[in-house]
Amino acid sequence: MRIKICGMSDQRRIDEAAALGVEFCGFVFHEKSPRNVTPQQVSRFDTHGMKRVGVFVNQSAEEIRSIVRLAGLDYVQLHGERSAAAVEFFPAERVIRVLWPSQYATRQALEKDIASLAGTCGLYLLDAGMGSGRVLDWQSLRGLSFPHPWFLSGGLSPENVARALSVCSPDGLDFNSGLEISPGIKSREKMAETVAVVRAQERPALSSMGDTVNGRTGDRS
């Protein structure tokens, strides 16, 4: 299970996330956000091998390209309609496309957009609203088909992530406000607890896979 912690803004918490085995580190480039950072700040952060993701909201392609270069980003995460024009400037495998299921009148309409964006991204992220802390209707996401791996986001926390994983089956999890002491300030304890919960959910699945490989499914007596 891939884990991404978004809205990072200080070296100490980045160090702690990396030590926990987090794979993706997200930085928000949006002036209205309490988690906003500058490319200059991010350029000085040591992310210890974590993939550096820039979160953009309606910036021009030129501005995004400049920030990617200055901040040393590995991925661009695109919100908003104007940002859609920027995808042609980046390799698809480096683009995370954000979709908000609540904006779709039907499941079929959401599935249509998932399919239509397949050639312009390498990852998807389903969210309830950028940094809103709202939780998605996980049941409504069950069984959705994606041509690429997808992240579940939206109000995930140590308290609810196990339930989310029991309802739908994302390839990754994106955490933000649910791990904060206050907007923009992550909690070391919450990060550690969250990673522990996610890894605990993975162990039964890995154990079951091992039993199948060893021919020990069914009766264990």
C-alpha atoms as a PDB file:
ATOM      1  CA  MET A   1       0.000   0.000   0.000  1.00  0.00           C
ATOM      2  CA  ARG A   2       1.446   3.335  -1.076  1.00  0.00           C
ATOM      3  CA  ILE A   3       1.229   6.112   1.505  1.00  0.00           C
ATOM      4  CA  LYS A   4       1.342   9.812   0.689  1.00  0.00           C
ATOM      5  CA  ILE A   5       1.367  12.567   3.289  1.00  0.00           C
ATOM      6  CA  CYS A   6       0.372  15.876   1.784  1.00  0.00           C
ATOM      7  CA  GLY A   7       0.682  19.458   2.995  1.00  0.00           C
ATOM      8  CA  MET A   8       4.173  19.027   4.388  1.00  0.00           C
ATOM      9  CA  SER A   9       5.937  22.233   5.331  1.00  0.00           C
ATOM     10  CA  ASP A  10       8.855  21.568   7.689  1.00  0.00           C
ATOM     11  CA  GLN A  11      11.984  19.443   7.629  1.00  0.00           C
ATOM     12  CA  ARG A  12      11.408  17.766  10.981  1.00  0.00           C
ATOM     13  CA  ARG A  13       8.086  16.222   9.961  1.00  0.00           C
ATOM     14  CA  ILE A  14       9.544  15.235   6.591  1.00  0.00           C
ATOM     15  CA  ASP A  15      12.339  13.409   8.397  1.00  0.00           C
ATOM     16  CA  GLU A  16       9.793  11.597  10.568  1.00  0.00           C
ATOM     17  CA  ALA A  17       7.599  10.606   7.624  1.00  0.00           C
ATOM     18  CA  ALA A  18      10.576   9.196   5.734  1.00  0.00           C
ATOM     19  CA  ALA A  19      11.673   7.206   8.783  1.00  0.00           C
ATOM     20  CA  LEU A  20       8.205   5.633   8.892  1.00  0.00           C
ATOM     21  CA  GLY A  21       8.536   4.385   5.321  1.00  0.00           C
ATOM     22  CA  VAL A  22       6.152   6.874   3.702  1.00  0.00           C
ATOM     23  CA  GLU A  23       6.630   6.802  -0.085  1.00  0.00           C
ATOM     24  CA  PHE A  24       5.198  10.137  -1.256  1.00  0.00           C
ATOM     25  CA  CYS A  25       5.592  13.622   0.234  1.00  0.00           C
ATOM     26  CA  GLY A  26       3.166  16.299  -0.979  1.00  0.00           C
ATOM     27  CA  PHE A  27       3.722  20.060  -1.129  1.00  0.00           C
ATOM     28  CA  VAL A  28       0.865  22.498  -1.727  1.00  0.00           C
ATOM     29  CA  PHE A  29       1.532  25.411  -4.071  1.00  0.00           C
ATOM     30  CA  HIS A  30      -1.690  27.347  -3.550  1.00  0.00           C
ATOM     31  CA  GLU A  31      -1.589  30.737  -1.839  1.00  0.00           C
ATOM     32  CA  LYS A  32      -5.048  30.421  -0.276  1.00  0.00           C
ATOM     33  CA  SER A  33      -4.128  27.220   1.531  1.00  0.00           C
ATOM     34  CA  PRO A  34      -2.801  27.268   5.114  1.00  0.00           C
ATOM     35  CA  ARG A  35      -0.361  24.598   3.880  1.00  0.00           C
ATOM     36  CA  ASN A  36       1.049  26.749   1.085  1.00  0.00           C
ATOM     37  CA  VAL A  37       4.799  26.585   0.552  1.00  0.00           C
ATOM     38  CA  THR A  38       7.144  28.238  -1.913  1.00  0.00           C
ATOM     39  CA  PRO A  39       9.382  26.509  -4.451  1.00  0.00           C
ATOM     40  CA  GLN A  40      12.383  27.970  -2.652  1.00  0.00           C
ATOM     41  CA  GLN A  41      11.344  26.356   0.633  1.00  0.00           C
ATOM     42  CA  VAL A  42      10.783  22.978  -0.992  1.00  0.00           C
ATOM     43  CA  SER A  43      14.092  23.113  -2.845  1.00  0.00           C
ATOM     44  CA  ARG A  44      15.860  23.110   0.540  1.00  0.00           C
ATOM     45  CA  PHE A  45      13.971  20.117   1.963  1.00  0.00           C
ATOM     46  CA  ASP A  46      15.691  16.728   2.089  1.00  0.00           C
ATOM     47  CA  THR A  47      12.934  14.182   1.434  1.00  0.00           C
ATOM     48  CA  HIS A  48      15.203  11.161   1.932  1.00  0.00           C
ATOM     49  CA  GLY A  49      14.094   9.368  -1.224  1.00  0.00           C
ATOM     50  CA  MET A  50      10.366  10.028  -0.854  1.00  0.00           C
ATOM     51  CA  LYS A  51       8.724  11.026  -4.128  1.00  0.00           C
ATOM     52  CA  ARG A  52       8.174  14.791  -4.190  1.00  0.00           C
ATOM     53  CA  VAL A  53       4.664  15.726  -5.311  1.00  0.00           C
ATOM     54  CA  GLY A  54       3.574  19.264  -6.136  1.00  0.00           C
ATOM     55  CA  VAL A  55      -0.117  20.048  -5.620  1.00  0.00           C
ATOM     56  CA  PHE A  56      -1.393  22.673  -8.044  1.00  0.00           C
ATOM     57  CA  VAL A  57      -4.728  24.469  -8.361  1.00  0.00           C
ATOM     58  CA  ASN A  58      -5.423  26.250 -11.639  1.00  0.00           C
ATOM     59  CA  GLN A  59      -1.887  27.510 -12.212  1.00  0.00           C
ATOM     60  CA  SER A  60      -0.757  27.982 -15.789  1.00  0.00           C
ATOM     61  CA  ALA A  61       1.387  25.341 -17.429  1.00  0.00           C
ATOM     62  CA  GLU A  62       4.309  27.771 -17.483  1.00  0.00           C
ATOM     63  CA  GLU A  63       4.069  28.421 -13.745  1.00  0.00           C
ATOM     64  CA  ILE A  64       3.819  24.724 -12.972  1.00  0.00           C
ATOM     65  CA  ARG A  65       6.871  23.966 -15.097  1.00  0.00           C
ATOM     66  CA  SER A  66       8.859  26.665 -13.299  1.00  0.00           C
ATOM     67  CA  ILE A  67       7.889  25.350  -9.853  1.00  0.00           C
ATOM     68  CA  VAL A  68       8.668  21.761 -10.840  1.00  0.00           C
ATOM     69  CA  ARG A  69      12.155  22.815 -11.862  1.00  0.00           C
ATOM     70  CA  LEU A  70      12.850  25.033  -8.847  1.00  0.00           C
ATOM     71  CA  ALA A  71      11.430  22.628  -6.244  1.00  0.00           C
ATOM     72  CA  GLY A  72      12.845  19.452  -7.783  1.00  0.00           C
ATOM     73  CA  LEU A  73       9.476  17.687  -8.036  1.00  0.00           C
ATOM     74  CA  ASP A  74       8.901  14.113  -9.177  1.00  0.00           C
ATOM     75  CA  TYR A  75       5.123  14.348  -9.712  1.00  0.00           C
ATOM     76  CA  VAL A  76       2.519  17.011 -10.416  1.00  0.00           C
ATOM     77  CA  GLN A  77      -0.907  16.633  -8.813  1.00  0.00           C
ATOM     78  CA  LEU A  78      -3.472  18.593 -10.764  1.00  0.00           C
ATOM     79  CA  HIS A  79      -6.699  20.045  -9.393  1.00  0.00           C
ATOM     80  CA  GLY A  80      -9.071  22.250 -11.313  1.00  0.00           C
ATOM     81  CA  GLU A  81     -10.033  22.518 -14.940  1.00  0.00           C
ATOM     82  CA  ARG A  82      -7.396  24.976 -16.153  1.00  0.00           C
ATOM     83  CA  SER A  83      -4.640  22.736 -14.843  1.00  0.00           C
ATOM     84  CA  ALA A  84      -5.854  20.050 -17.234  1.00  0.00           C
ATOM     85  CA  ALA A  85      -4.128  21.901 -20.059  1.00  0.00           C
ATOM     86  CA  ALA A  86      -0.804  21.474 -18.281  1.00  0.00           C
ATOM     87  CA  VAL A  87      -0.684  17.703 -18.589  1.00  0.00           C
ATOM     88  CA  GLU A  88       0.654  17.850 -22.139  1.00  0.00           C
ATOM     89  CA  PHE A  89       3.880  19.367 -20.790  1.00  0.00           C
ATOM     90  CA  PHE A  90       4.656  16.447 -18.489  1.00  0.00           C
ATOM     91  CA  PRO A  91       5.141  12.712 -19.041  1.00  0.00           C
ATOM     92  CA  ALA A  92       1.856  10.990 -18.195  1.00  0.00           C
ATOM     93  CA  GLU A  93       3.523   8.749 -15.622  1.00  0.00           C
ATOM     94  CA  ARG A  94       4.472  11.844 -13.603  1.00  0.00           C
ATOM     95  CA  VAL A  95       0.912  13.221 -13.437  1.00  0.00           C
ATOM     96  CA  ILE A  96      -1.613  12.549 -10.646  1.00  0.00           C
ATOM     97  CA  ARG A  97      -5.117  13.522 -11.737  1.00  0.00           C
ATOM     98  CA  VAL A  98      -7.562  14.495  -8.978  1.00  0.00           C
ATOM     99  CA  LEU A  99     -11.256  13.680  -9.257  1.00  0.00           C
ATOM    100  CA  TRP A 100     -13.998  14.679  -6.813  1.00  0.00           C
ATOM    101  CA  PRO A 101     -16.739  12.021  -6.912  1.00  0.00           C
ATOM    102  CA  SER A 102     -19.273  14.352  -5.271  1.00  0.00           C
ATOM    103  CA  GLN A 103     -19.231  16.520  -8.396  1.00  0.00           C
ATOM    104  CA  TYR A 104     -20.622  13.718 -10.557  1.00  0.00           C
ATOM    105  CA  ALA A 105     -24.338  13.131 -10.900  1.00  0.00           C
ATOM    106  CA  THR A 106     -23.848   9.435 -11.611  1.00  0.00           C
ATOM    107  CA  ARG A 107     -21.266   6.730 -11.131  1.00  0.00           C
ATOM    108  CA  GLN A 108     -21.234   6.279 -14.904  1.00  0.00           C
ATOM    109  CA  ALA A 109     -20.167   9.913 -15.383  1.00  0.00           C
ATOM    110  CA  LEU A 110     -17.268   9.430 -12.969  1.00  0.00           C
ATOM    111  CA  GLU A 111     -16.202   6.243 -14.727  1.00  0.00           C
ATOM    112  CA  LYS A 112     -16.313   8.060 -18.060  1.00  0.00           C
ATOM    113  CA  ASP A 113     -13.883  10.724 -16.817  1.00  0.00           C
ATOM    114  CA  ILE A 114     -11.600   8.097 -15.277  1.00  0.00           C
ATOM    115  CA  ALA A 115     -11.371   6.413 -18.666  1.00  0.00           C
ATOM    116  CA  SER A 116     -10.983   9.645 -20.640  1.00  0.00           C
ATOM    117  CA  LEU A 117      -7.989  10.789 -18.525  1.00  0.00           C
ATOM    118  CA  ALA A 118      -6.099   7.500 -18.822  1.00  0.00           C
ATOM    119  CA  GLY A 119      -3.723   8.764 -21.489  1.00  0.00           C
ATOM    120  CA  THR A 120      -2.763  11.904 -19.557  1.00  0.00           C
ATOM    121  CA  CYS A 121      -1.842  10.522 -16.139  1.00  0.00           C
ATOM    122  CA  GLY A 122      -0.093   7.685 -14.381  1.00  0.00           C
ATOM    123  CA  LEU A 123      -2.031   7.888 -11.113  1.00  0.00           C
ATOM    124  CA  TYR A 124      -5.472   9.000  -9.956  1.00  0.00           C
ATOM    125  CA  LEU A 125      -6.537  10.522  -6.647  1.00  0.00           C
ATOM    126  CA  LEU A 126     -10.142  10.614  -5.453  1.00  0.00           C
ATOM    127  CA  ASP A 127     -10.809  13.376  -2.948  1.00  0.00           C
ATOM    128  CA  ALA A 128     -13.721  15.062  -1.196  1.00  0.00           C
ATOM    129  CA  GLY A 129     -12.305  18.570  -1.689  1.00  0.00           C
ATOM    130  CA  MET A 130      -8.788  19.885  -1.373  1.00  0.00           C
ATOM    131  CA  GLY A 131      -7.766  19.976   2.296  1.00  0.00           C
ATOM    132  CA  SER A 132     -11.399  20.062   3.375  1.00  0.00           C
ATOM    133  CA  GLY A 133     -11.201  17.180   5.823  1.00  0.00           C
ATOM    134  CA  ARG A 134     -14.457  15.785   4.459  1.00  0.00           C
ATOM    135  CA  VAL A 135     -14.740  12.019   4.065  1.00  0.00           C
ATOM    136  CA  LEU A 136     -15.827  10.364   0.834  1.00  0.00           C
ATOM    137  CA  ASP A 137     -18.663   7.872   0.582  1.00  0.00           C
ATOM    138  CA  TRP A 138     -16.337   4.869   0.419  1.00  0.00           C
ATOM    139  CA  GLN A 139     -19.128   2.435  -0.388  1.00  0.00           C
ATOM    140  CA  SER A 140     -19.894   4.333  -3.609  1.00  0.00           C
ATOM    141  CA  LEU A 141     -16.296   3.785  -4.755  1.00  0.00           C
ATOM    142  CA  ARG A 142     -16.426   0.036  -4.367  1.00  0.00           C
ATOM    143  CA  GLY A 143     -15.784  -1.792  -7.604  1.00  0.00           C
ATOM    144  CA  LEU A 144     -14.684   1.231  -9.622  1.00  0.00           C
ATOM    145  CA  SER A 145     -12.316   0.264 -12.414  1.00  0.00           C
ATOM    146  CA  PHE A 146      -9.109   2.259 -12.968  1.00  0.00           C
ATOM    147  CA  PRO A 147      -6.596   1.854 -15.804  1.00  0.00           C
ATOM    148  CA  HIS A 148      -3.841   3.100 -13.460  1.00  0.00           C
ATOM    149  CA  PRO A 149      -3.260   2.896  -9.680  1.00  0.00           C
ATOM    150  CA  TRP A 150      -5.380   5.229  -7.568  1.00  0.00           C
ATOM    151  CA  PHE A 151      -5.117   6.954  -4.204  1.00  0.00           C
ATOM    152  CA  LEU A 152      -7.970   7.412  -1.751  1.00  0.00           C
ATOM    153  CA  SER A 153      -8.026  10.781   0.003  1.00  0.00           C
ATOM    154  CA  GLY A 154     -10.476  12.874   2.003  1.00  0.00           C
ATOM    155  CA  GLY A 155     -10.378  13.147   5.788  1.00  0.00           C
ATOM    156  CA  LEU A 156      -8.396   9.957   6.347  1.00  0.00           C
ATOM    157  CA  SER A 157      -7.009   9.538   9.850  1.00  0.00           C
ATOM    158  CA  PRO A 158      -5.723   6.857  12.237  1.00  0.00           C
ATOM    159  CA  GLU A 159      -9.292   6.437  13.453  1.00  0.00           C
ATOM    160  CA  ASN A 160     -10.977   5.710  10.136  1.00  0.00           C
ATOM    161  CA  VAL A 161      -8.386   4.367   7.697  1.00  0.00           C
ATOM    162  CA  ALA A 162      -8.944   0.710   8.616  1.00  0.00           C
ATOM    163  CA  ARG A 163     -12.643   1.135   7.909  1.00  0.00           C
ATOM    164  CA  ALA A 164     -11.894   2.816   4.580  1.00  0.00           C
ATOM    165  CA  LEU A 165      -9.691  -0.084   3.532  1.00  0.00           C
ATOM    166  CA  SER A 166     -12.343  -2.601   4.517  1.00  0.00           C
ATOM    167  CA  VAL A 167     -14.880  -0.932   2.215  1.00  0.00           C
ATOM    168  CA  CYS A 168     -12.906  -0.052  -0.907  1.00  0.00           C
ATOM    169  CA  SER A 169      -9.567  -1.167  -2.296  1.00  0.00           C
ATOM    170  CA  PRO A 170      -7.297   1.723  -3.302  1.00  0.00           C
ATOM    171  CA  ASP A 171      -3.696   1.244  -4.356  1.00  0.00           C
ATOM    172  CA  GLY A 172      -2.591   4.100  -2.138  1.00  0.00           C
ATOM    173  CA  LEU A 173      -3.729   6.409   0.647  1.00  0.00           C
ATOM    174  CA  ASP A 174      -3.324  10.175   0.786  1.00  0.00           C
ATOM    175  CA  PHE A 175      -3.341  11.835   4.214  1.00  0.00           C
ATOM    176  CA  ASN A 176      -3.451  15.512   5.081  1.00  0.00           C
ATOM    177  CA  SER A 177      -5.693  17.259   7.605  1.00  0.00           C
ATOM    178  CA  GLY A 178      -6.423  14.044   9.519  1.00  0.00           C
ATOM    179  CA  LEU A 179      -2.793  13.933  10.649  1.00  0.00           C
ATOM    180  CA  GLU A 180      -2.575  17.531  11.821  1.00  0.00           C
ATOM    181  CA  ILE A 181      -2.365  19.273  15.167  1.00  0.00           C
ATOM    182  CA  SER A 182      -3.485  22.448  13.401  1.00  0.00           C
ATOM    183  CA  PRO A 183      -3.738  23.442   9.712  1.00  0.00           C
ATOM    184  CA  GLY A 184      -0.359  22.830   8.133  1.00  0.00           C
ATOM    185  CA  ILE A 185       1.229  21.287  11.242  1.00  0.00           C
ATOM    186  CA  LYS A 186       1.506  17.498  11.166  1.00  0.00           C
ATOM    187  CA  SER A 187       1.584  15.342  14.277  1.00  0.00           C
ATOM    188  CA  ARG A 188       4.423  12.854  14.635  1.00  0.00           C
ATOM    189  CA  GLU A 189       2.217  10.645  16.783  1.00  0.00           C
ATOM    190  CA  LYS A 190      -0.637  10.637  14.272  1.00  0.00           C
ATOM    191  CA  MET A 191       1.695   9.878  11.394  1.00  0.00           C
ATOM    192  CA  ALA A 192       3.210   6.952  13.259  1.00  0.00           C
ATOM    193  CA  GLU A 193      -0.171   5.601  14.371  1.00  0.00           C
ATOM    194  CA  THR A 194      -1.559   5.853  10.851  1.00  0.00           C
ATOM    195  CA  VAL A 195       1.332   4.002   9.239  1.00  0.00           C
ATOM    196  CA  ALA A 196       1.064   1.280  11.903  1.00  0.00           C
ATOM    197  CA  VAL A 197      -2.663   0.834  11.229  1.00  0.00           C
ATOM    198  CA  VAL A 198      -2.132   0.609   7.467  1.00  0.00           C
ATOM    199  CA  ARG A 199       0.674  -1.926   7.790  1.00  0.00           C
ATOM    200  CA  ALA A 200      -1.423  -3.991  10.202  1.00  0.00           C
ATOM    201  CA  GLN A 201      -4.194  -4.114   7.594  1.00  0.00           C
ATOM    202  CA  GLU A 202      -1.704  -5.362   5.015  1.00  0.00           C
ATOM    203  CA  ARG A 203      -0.396  -8.260   7.106  1.00  0.00           C
ATOM    204  CA  PRO A 204      -3.543 -10.445   6.984  1.00  0.00           C
ATOM    205  CA  ALA A 205      -3.633 -10.074   3.189  1.00  0.00           C
ATOM    206  CA  LEU A 206       0.027 -11.026   2.880  1.00  0.00           C
ATOM    207  CA  SER A 207      -0.504 -13.985   5.196  1.00  0.00           C
ATOM    208  CA  SER A 208      -3.446 -15.169   3.100  1.00  0.00           C
ATOM    209  CA  MET A 209      -1.365 -14.897  -0.070  1.00  0.00           C
ATOM    210  CA  GLY A 210       1.355 -16.968   1.532  1.00  0.00           C
ATOM    211  CA  ASP A 211      -1.128 -19.670   2.506  1.00  0.00           C
ATOM    212  CA  THR A 212      -2.400 -19.838  -1.065  1.00  0.00           C
ATOM    213  CA  VAL A 213       1.107 -20.167  -2.485  1.00  0.00           C
ATOM    214  CA  ASN A 214       1.921 -22.930  -0.012  1.00  0.00           C
ATOM    215  CA  GLY A 215      -1.298 -24.787  -0.765  1.00  0.00           C
ATOM    216  CA  ARG A 216      -2.714 -24.222   2.701  1.00  0.00           C
ATOM    217  CA  THR A 217      -6.024 -22.563   1.888  1.00  0.00           C
ATOM    218  CA  GLY A 218      -9.156 -23.830   3.561  1.00  0.00           C
ATOM    219  CA  ASP A 219      -8.831 -26.261   6.456  1.00  0.00           C
ATOM    220  CA  ARG A 220      -5.731 -25.559   8.542  1.00  0.00           C
ATOM    221  CA  SER A 221      -6.089 -28.588  10.794  1.00  0.00           C
END
